[in-house]
Amino acid sequence: MDIKMPVMPGDEAINKILDYDPMANIVAVTAYNYTTDQLGVPVLRKGFNRKKFLEVIREGMKKPKRLG
């Protein structure tokens, strides 16, 4: 899930997805300085390497948290 999207912000999309499927596994991908605490899902910053990718995907497989 990219955070900056043309139709709907990623944080809003995350909430809508979790409204529809509370057990959805979502990983945010962004070039911005968002954190897991801010978005409620694991964050992968663009420019990542293979090790970081695998670490975040493993974290993303855990039960999602709800924003706000």
PDB file of N, CA and C in Angstrom:
ATOM      1  N   MET A   1       0.854  -1.163   0.000  1.00  0.00           N
ATOM      2  CA  MET A   1       0.000   0.000   0.000  1.00  0.00           C
ATOM      3  C   MET A   1       0.904   1.231   0.000  1.00  0.00           C
ATOM      4  N   ASP A   2       0.833   2.021  -1.055  1.00  0.00           N
ATOM      5  CA  ASP A   2       1.582   3.277  -1.064  1.00  0.00           C
ATOM      6  C   ASP A   2       0.805   4.296  -0.231  1.00  0.00           C
ATOM      7  N   ILE A   3       1.492   5.193   0.412  1.00  0.00           N
ATOM      8  CA  ILE A   3       0.841   6.172   1.286  1.00  0.00           C
ATOM      9  C   ILE A   3       0.326   7.369   0.500  1.00  0.00           C
ATOM     10  N   LYS A   4       1.087   7.837  -0.467  1.00  0.00           N
ATOM     11  CA  LYS A   4       0.658   8.970  -1.286  1.00  0.00           C
ATOM     12  C   LYS A   4       0.081   8.424  -2.591  1.00  0.00           C
ATOM     13  N   MET A   5      -1.241   8.456  -2.698  1.00  0.00           N
ATOM     14  CA  MET A   5      -1.934   7.962  -3.894  1.00  0.00           C
ATOM     15  C   MET A   5      -2.844   9.068  -4.417  1.00  0.00           C
ATOM     16  N   PRO A   6      -3.156   9.054  -5.710  1.00  0.00           N
ATOM     17  CA  PRO A   6      -3.915  10.155  -6.300  1.00  0.00           C
ATOM     18  C   PRO A   6      -5.390  10.233  -5.890  1.00  0.00           C
ATOM     19  N   VAL A   7      -6.040   9.129  -5.629  1.00  0.00           N
ATOM     20  CA  VAL A   7      -7.479   9.144  -5.360  1.00  0.00           C
ATOM     21  C   VAL A   7      -7.796   9.227  -3.870  1.00  0.00           C
ATOM     22  N   MET A   8      -7.042   8.507  -3.059  1.00  0.00           N
ATOM     23  CA  MET A   8      -7.313   8.433  -1.627  1.00  0.00           C
ATOM     24  C   MET A   8      -5.986   8.263  -0.891  1.00  0.00           C
ATOM     25  N   PRO A   9      -5.777   9.004   0.199  1.00  0.00           N
ATOM     26  CA  PRO A   9      -4.544   8.809   0.972  1.00  0.00           C
ATOM     27  C   PRO A   9      -4.441   7.373   1.490  1.00  0.00           C
ATOM     28  N   GLY A  10      -3.216   6.882   1.570  1.00  0.00           N
ATOM     29  CA  GLY A  10      -3.001   5.510   2.002  1.00  0.00           C
ATOM     30  C   GLY A  10      -3.528   5.214   3.385  1.00  0.00           C
ATOM     31  N   ASP A  11      -3.411   6.163   4.322  1.00  0.00           N
ATOM     32  CA  ASP A  11      -3.905   5.899   5.675  1.00  0.00           C
ATOM     33  C   ASP A  11      -5.419   5.722   5.666  1.00  0.00           C
ATOM     34  N   GLU A  12      -6.122   6.473   4.832  1.00  0.00           N
ATOM     35  CA  GLU A  12      -7.569   6.311   4.702  1.00  0.00           C
ATOM     36  C   GLU A  12      -7.904   4.965   4.055  1.00  0.00           C
ATOM     37  N   ALA A  13      -7.141   4.592   3.038  1.00  0.00           N
ATOM     38  CA  ALA A  13      -7.351   3.300   2.375  1.00  0.00           C
ATOM     39  C   ALA A  13      -7.112   2.145   3.351  1.00  0.00           C
ATOM     40  N   ILE A  14      -6.085   2.266   4.189  1.00  0.00           N
ATOM     41  CA  ILE A  14      -5.804   1.231   5.188  1.00  0.00           C
ATOM     42  C   ILE A  14      -7.017   1.035   6.089  1.00  0.00           C
ATOM     43  N   ASN A  15      -7.577   2.129   6.580  1.00  0.00           N
ATOM     44  CA  ASN A  15      -8.756   2.026   7.450  1.00  0.00           C
ATOM     45  C   ASN A  15      -9.946   1.392   6.730  1.00  0.00           C
ATOM     46  N   LYS A  16     -10.165   1.757   5.469  1.00  0.00           N
ATOM     47  CA  LYS A  16     -11.284   1.176   4.714  1.00  0.00           C
ATOM     48  C   LYS A  16     -11.084  -0.325   4.500  1.00  0.00           C
ATOM     49  N   ILE A  17      -9.866  -0.709   4.188  1.00  0.00           N
ATOM     50  CA  ILE A  17      -9.572  -2.134   4.009  1.00  0.00           C
ATOM     51  C   ILE A  17      -9.814  -2.888   5.310  1.00  0.00           C
ATOM     52  N   LEU A  18      -9.349  -2.324   6.427  1.00  0.00           N
ATOM     53  CA  LEU A  18      -9.533  -3.003   7.709  1.00  0.00           C
ATOM     54  C   LEU A  18     -10.990  -2.984   8.169  1.00  0.00           C
ATOM     55  N   ASP A  19     -11.784  -2.007   7.724  1.00  0.00           N
ATOM     56  CA  ASP A  19     -13.225  -2.041   7.975  1.00  0.00           C
ATOM     57  C   ASP A  19     -13.851  -3.240   7.265  1.00  0.00           C
ATOM     58  N   TYR A  20     -13.416  -3.465   6.041  1.00  0.00           N
ATOM     59  CA  TYR A  20     -13.945  -4.561   5.227  1.00  0.00           C
ATOM     60  C   TYR A  20     -13.423  -5.913   5.707  1.00  0.00           C
ATOM     61  N   ASP A  21     -12.130  -5.974   6.015  1.00  0.00           N
ATOM     62  CA  ASP A  21     -11.494  -7.224   6.444  1.00  0.00           C
ATOM     63  C   ASP A  21     -10.515  -6.928   7.580  1.00  0.00           C
ATOM     64  N   PRO A  22     -10.976  -7.009   8.828  1.00  0.00           N
ATOM     65  CA  PRO A  22     -10.120  -6.676   9.972  1.00  0.00           C
ATOM     66  C   PRO A  22      -8.857  -7.521  10.095  1.00  0.00           C
ATOM     67  N   MET A  23      -8.807  -8.658   9.412  1.00  0.00           N
ATOM     68  CA  MET A  23      -7.622  -9.519   9.486  1.00  0.00           C
ATOM     69  C   MET A  23      -6.690  -9.341   8.292  1.00  0.00           C
ATOM     70  N   ALA A  24      -6.944  -8.339   7.455  1.00  0.00           N
ATOM     71  CA  ALA A  24      -6.101  -8.096   6.281  1.00  0.00           C
ATOM     72  C   ALA A  24      -4.673  -7.784   6.717  1.00  0.00           C
ATOM     73  N   ASN A  25      -3.720  -8.316   5.983  1.00  0.00           N
ATOM     74  CA  ASN A  25      -2.307  -8.018   6.223  1.00  0.00           C
ATOM     75  C   ASN A  25      -1.888  -6.928   5.256  1.00  0.00           C
ATOM     76  N   ILE A  26      -1.466  -5.789   5.792  1.00  0.00           N
ATOM     77  CA  ILE A  26      -1.101  -4.637   4.981  1.00  0.00           C
ATOM     78  C   ILE A  26       0.287  -4.171   5.385  1.00  0.00           C
ATOM     79  N   VAL A  27       1.090  -3.833   4.390  1.00  0.00           N
ATOM     80  CA  VAL A  27       2.387  -3.205   4.610  1.00  0.00           C
ATOM     81  C   VAL A  27       2.370  -1.890   3.851  1.00  0.00           C
ATOM     82  N   ALA A  28       2.694  -0.803   4.515  1.00  0.00           N
ATOM     83  CA  ALA A  28       2.752   0.510   3.872  1.00  0.00           C
ATOM     84  C   ALA A  28       4.121   0.698   3.235  1.00  0.00           C
ATOM     85  N   VAL A  29       4.135   1.234   2.019  1.00  0.00           N
ATOM     86  CA  VAL A  29       5.377   1.544   1.314  1.00  0.00           C
ATOM     87  C   VAL A  29       5.379   3.041   1.063  1.00  0.00           C
ATOM     88  N   THR A  30       6.434   3.708   1.497  1.00  0.00           N
ATOM     89  CA  THR A  30       6.460   5.165   1.380  1.00  0.00           C
ATOM     90  C   THR A  30       7.888   5.701   1.327  1.00  0.00           C
ATOM     91  N   ALA A  31       8.034   6.855   0.729  1.00  0.00           N
ATOM     92  CA  ALA A  31       9.303   7.568   0.773  1.00  0.00           C
ATOM     93  C   ALA A  31       9.285   8.588   1.908  1.00  0.00           C
ATOM     94  N   TYR A  32       8.131   8.733   2.534  1.00  0.00           N
ATOM     95  CA  TYR A  32       7.964   9.700   3.619  1.00  0.00           C
ATOM     96  C   TYR A  32       8.320   9.066   4.959  1.00  0.00           C
ATOM     97  N   ASN A  33       8.416   9.872   5.990  1.00  0.00           N
ATOM     98  CA  ASN A  33       8.894   9.420   7.293  1.00  0.00           C
ATOM     99  C   ASN A  33       7.748   8.999   8.218  1.00  0.00           C
ATOM    100  N   TYR A  34       6.880   8.116   7.741  1.00  0.00           N
ATOM    101  CA  TYR A  34       5.804   7.585   8.577  1.00  0.00           C
ATOM    102  C   TYR A  34       6.336   6.426   9.407  1.00  0.00           C
ATOM    103  N   THR A  35       5.674   6.165  10.541  1.00  0.00           N
ATOM    104  CA  THR A  35       6.058   5.045  11.387  1.00  0.00           C
ATOM    105  C   THR A  35       4.895   4.057  11.487  1.00  0.00           C
ATOM    106  N   THR A  36       5.208   2.884  11.968  1.00  0.00           N
ATOM    107  CA  THR A  36       4.186   1.874  12.204  1.00  0.00           C
ATOM    108  C   THR A  36       3.139   2.394  13.192  1.00  0.00           C
ATOM    109  N   ASP A  37       3.581   3.108  14.208  1.00  0.00           N
ATOM    110  CA  ASP A  37       2.631   3.668  15.185  1.00  0.00           C
ATOM    111  C   ASP A  37       1.670   4.664  14.542  1.00  0.00           C
ATOM    112  N   GLN A  38       2.153   5.455  13.594  1.00  0.00           N
ATOM    113  CA  GLN A  38       1.297   6.436  12.929  1.00  0.00           C
ATOM    114  C   GLN A  38       0.265   5.786  12.014  1.00  0.00           C
ATOM    115  N   LEU A  39       0.669   4.732  11.318  1.00  0.00           N
ATOM    116  CA  LEU A  39      -0.201   4.129  10.302  1.00  0.00           C
ATOM    117  C   LEU A  39      -0.930   2.878  10.776  1.00  0.00           C
ATOM    118  N   GLY A  40      -0.445   2.261  11.831  1.00  0.00           N
ATOM    119  CA  GLY A  40      -1.096   1.066  12.341  1.00  0.00           C
ATOM    120  C   GLY A  40      -0.726  -0.203  11.600  1.00  0.00           C
ATOM    121  N   VAL A  41       0.184  -0.097  10.638  1.00  0.00           N
ATOM    122  CA  VAL A  41       0.674  -1.250   9.882  1.00  0.00           C
ATOM    123  C   VAL A  41       2.186  -1.099   9.730  1.00  0.00           C
ATOM    124  N   PRO A  42       2.887  -2.199   9.436  1.00  0.00           N
ATOM    125  CA  PRO A  42       4.327  -2.086   9.218  1.00  0.00           C
ATOM    126  C   PRO A  42       4.633  -1.137   8.053  1.00  0.00           C
ATOM    127  N   VAL A  43       5.735  -0.409   8.164  1.00  0.00           N
ATOM    128  CA  VAL A  43       6.121   0.570   7.146  1.00  0.00           C
ATOM    129  C   VAL A  43       7.436   0.157   6.502  1.00  0.00           C
ATOM    130  N   LEU A  44       7.445   0.156   5.177  1.00  0.00           N
ATOM    131  CA  LEU A  44       8.646  -0.126   4.395  1.00  0.00           C
ATOM    132  C   LEU A  44       8.982   1.149   3.633  1.00  0.00           C
ATOM    133  N   ARG A  45      10.129   1.742   3.953  1.00  0.00           N
ATOM    134  CA  ARG A  45      10.520   2.989   3.279  1.00  0.00           C
ATOM    135  C   ARG A  45      11.198   2.669   1.955  1.00  0.00           C
ATOM    136  N   LYS A  46      10.814   3.407   0.922  1.00  0.00           N
ATOM    137  CA  LYS A  46      11.389   3.184  -0.406  1.00  0.00           C
ATOM    138  C   LYS A  46      12.900   3.320  -0.353  1.00  0.00           C
ATOM    139  N   GLY A  47      13.566   2.457  -1.125  1.00  0.00           N
ATOM    140  CA  GLY A  47      15.013   2.365  -1.082  1.00  0.00           C
ATOM    141  C   GLY A  47      15.461   1.212  -0.197  1.00  0.00           C
ATOM    142  N   PHE A  48      14.497   0.358   0.182  1.00  0.00           N
ATOM    143  CA  PHE A  48      14.761  -0.757   1.095  1.00  0.00           C
ATOM    144  C   PHE A  48      15.616  -1.832   0.426  1.00  0.00           C
ATOM    145  N   ASN A  49      16.264  -2.649   1.276  1.00  0.00           N
ATOM    146  CA  ASN A  49      17.032  -3.789   0.784  1.00  0.00           C
ATOM    147  C   ASN A  49      16.268  -5.087   1.072  1.00  0.00           C
ATOM    148  N   ARG A  50      16.796  -6.199   0.591  1.00  0.00           N
ATOM    149  CA  ARG A  50      16.121  -7.494   0.735  1.00  0.00           C
ATOM    150  C   ARG A  50      15.892  -7.860   2.196  1.00  0.00           C
ATOM    151  N   LYS A  51      16.882  -7.632   3.056  1.00  0.00           N
ATOM    152  CA  LYS A  51      16.759  -7.975   4.471  1.00  0.00           C
ATOM    153  C   LYS A  51      15.613  -7.190   5.119  1.00  0.00           C
ATOM    154  N   LYS A  52      15.553  -5.888   4.855  1.00  0.00           N
ATOM    155  CA  LYS A  52      14.496  -5.057   5.427  1.00  0.00           C
ATOM    156  C   LYS A  52      13.132  -5.465   4.873  1.00  0.00           C
ATOM    157  N   PHE A  53      13.076  -5.772   3.584  1.00  0.00           N
ATOM    158  CA  PHE A  53      11.836  -6.219   2.959  1.00  0.00           C
ATOM    159  C   PHE A  53      11.290  -7.454   3.672  1.00  0.00           C
ATOM    160  N   LEU A  54      12.132  -8.466   3.869  1.00  0.00           N
ATOM    161  CA  LEU A  54      11.696  -9.699   4.522  1.00  0.00           C
ATOM    162  C   LEU A  54      11.285  -9.456   5.974  1.00  0.00           C
ATOM    163  N   GLU A  55      12.019  -8.596   6.671  1.00  0.00           N
ATOM    164  CA  GLU A  55      11.690  -8.258   8.066  1.00  0.00           C
ATOM    165  C   GLU A  55      10.302  -7.617   8.152  1.00  0.00           C
ATOM    166  N   VAL A  56      10.025  -6.683   7.282  1.00  0.00           N
ATOM    167  CA  VAL A  56       8.747  -5.969   7.311  1.00  0.00           C
ATOM    168  C   VAL A  56       7.604  -6.885   6.864  1.00  0.00           C
ATOM    169  N   ILE A  57       7.844  -7.736   5.894  1.00  0.00           N
ATOM    170  CA  ILE A  57       6.803  -8.683   5.455  1.00  0.00           C
ATOM    171  C   ILE A  57       6.452  -9.635   6.593  1.00  0.00           C
ATOM    172  N   ARG A  58       7.451 -10.135   7.306  1.00  0.00           N
ATOM    173  CA  ARG A  58       7.180 -11.002   8.462  1.00  0.00           C
ATOM    174  C   ARG A  58       6.348 -10.259   9.510  1.00  0.00           C
ATOM    175  N   GLU A  59       6.703  -9.010   9.774  1.00  0.00           N
ATOM    176  CA  GLU A  59       5.951  -8.195  10.730  1.00  0.00           C
ATOM    177  C   GLU A  59       4.526  -7.967  10.226  1.00  0.00           C
ATOM    178  N   GLY A  60       4.393  -7.773   8.917  1.00  0.00           N
ATOM    179  CA  GLY A  60       3.088  -7.534   8.313  1.00  0.00           C
ATOM    180  C   GLY A  60       2.158  -8.725   8.363  1.00  0.00           C
ATOM    181  N   MET A  61       2.692  -9.901   8.579  1.00  0.00           N
ATOM    182  CA  MET A  61       1.868 -11.108   8.653  1.00  0.00           C
ATOM    183  C   MET A  61       1.195 -11.263  10.013  1.00  0.00           C
ATOM    184  N   LYS A  62       1.578 -10.411  10.964  1.00  0.00           N
ATOM    185  CA  LYS A  62       0.931 -10.431  12.268  1.00  0.00           C
ATOM    186  C   LYS A  62      -0.425  -9.735  12.167  1.00  0.00           C
ATOM    187  N   LYS A  63      -1.235  -9.912  13.171  1.00  0.00           N
ATOM    188  CA  LYS A  63      -2.567  -9.283  13.191  1.00  0.00           C
ATOM    189  C   LYS A  63      -2.431  -7.749  13.123  1.00  0.00           C
ATOM    190  N   PRO A  64      -3.173  -7.096  12.236  1.00  0.00           N
ATOM    191  CA  PRO A  64      -3.075  -5.636  12.108  1.00  0.00           C
ATOM    192  C   PRO A  64      -3.645  -4.898  13.306  1.00  0.00           C
ATOM    193  N   LYS A  65      -3.115  -3.690  13.525  1.00  0.00           N
ATOM    194  CA  LYS A  65      -3.656  -2.803  14.562  1.00  0.00           C
ATOM    195  C   LYS A  65      -4.609  -1.838  13.883  1.00  0.00           C
ATOM    196  N   ARG A  66      -5.456  -1.244  14.650  1.00  0.00           N
ATOM    197  CA  ARG A  66      -6.422  -0.270  14.127  1.00  0.00           C
ATOM    198  C   ARG A  66      -5.932   1.135  14.401  1.00  0.00           C
ATOM    199  N   LEU A  67      -6.016   2.009  13.413  1.00  0.00           N
ATOM    200  CA  LEU A  67      -5.618   3.411  13.605  1.00  0.00           C
ATOM    201  C   LEU A  67      -6.611   4.128  14.492  1.00  0.00           C
ATOM    202  N   GLY A  68      -6.112   5.098  15.246  1.00  0.00           N
ATOM    203  CA  GLY A  68      -6.926   6.017  16.038  1.00  0.00           C
ATOM    204  C   GLY A  68      -7.816   5.368  16.985  1.00  0.00           C
TER     205      GLY A  68
END
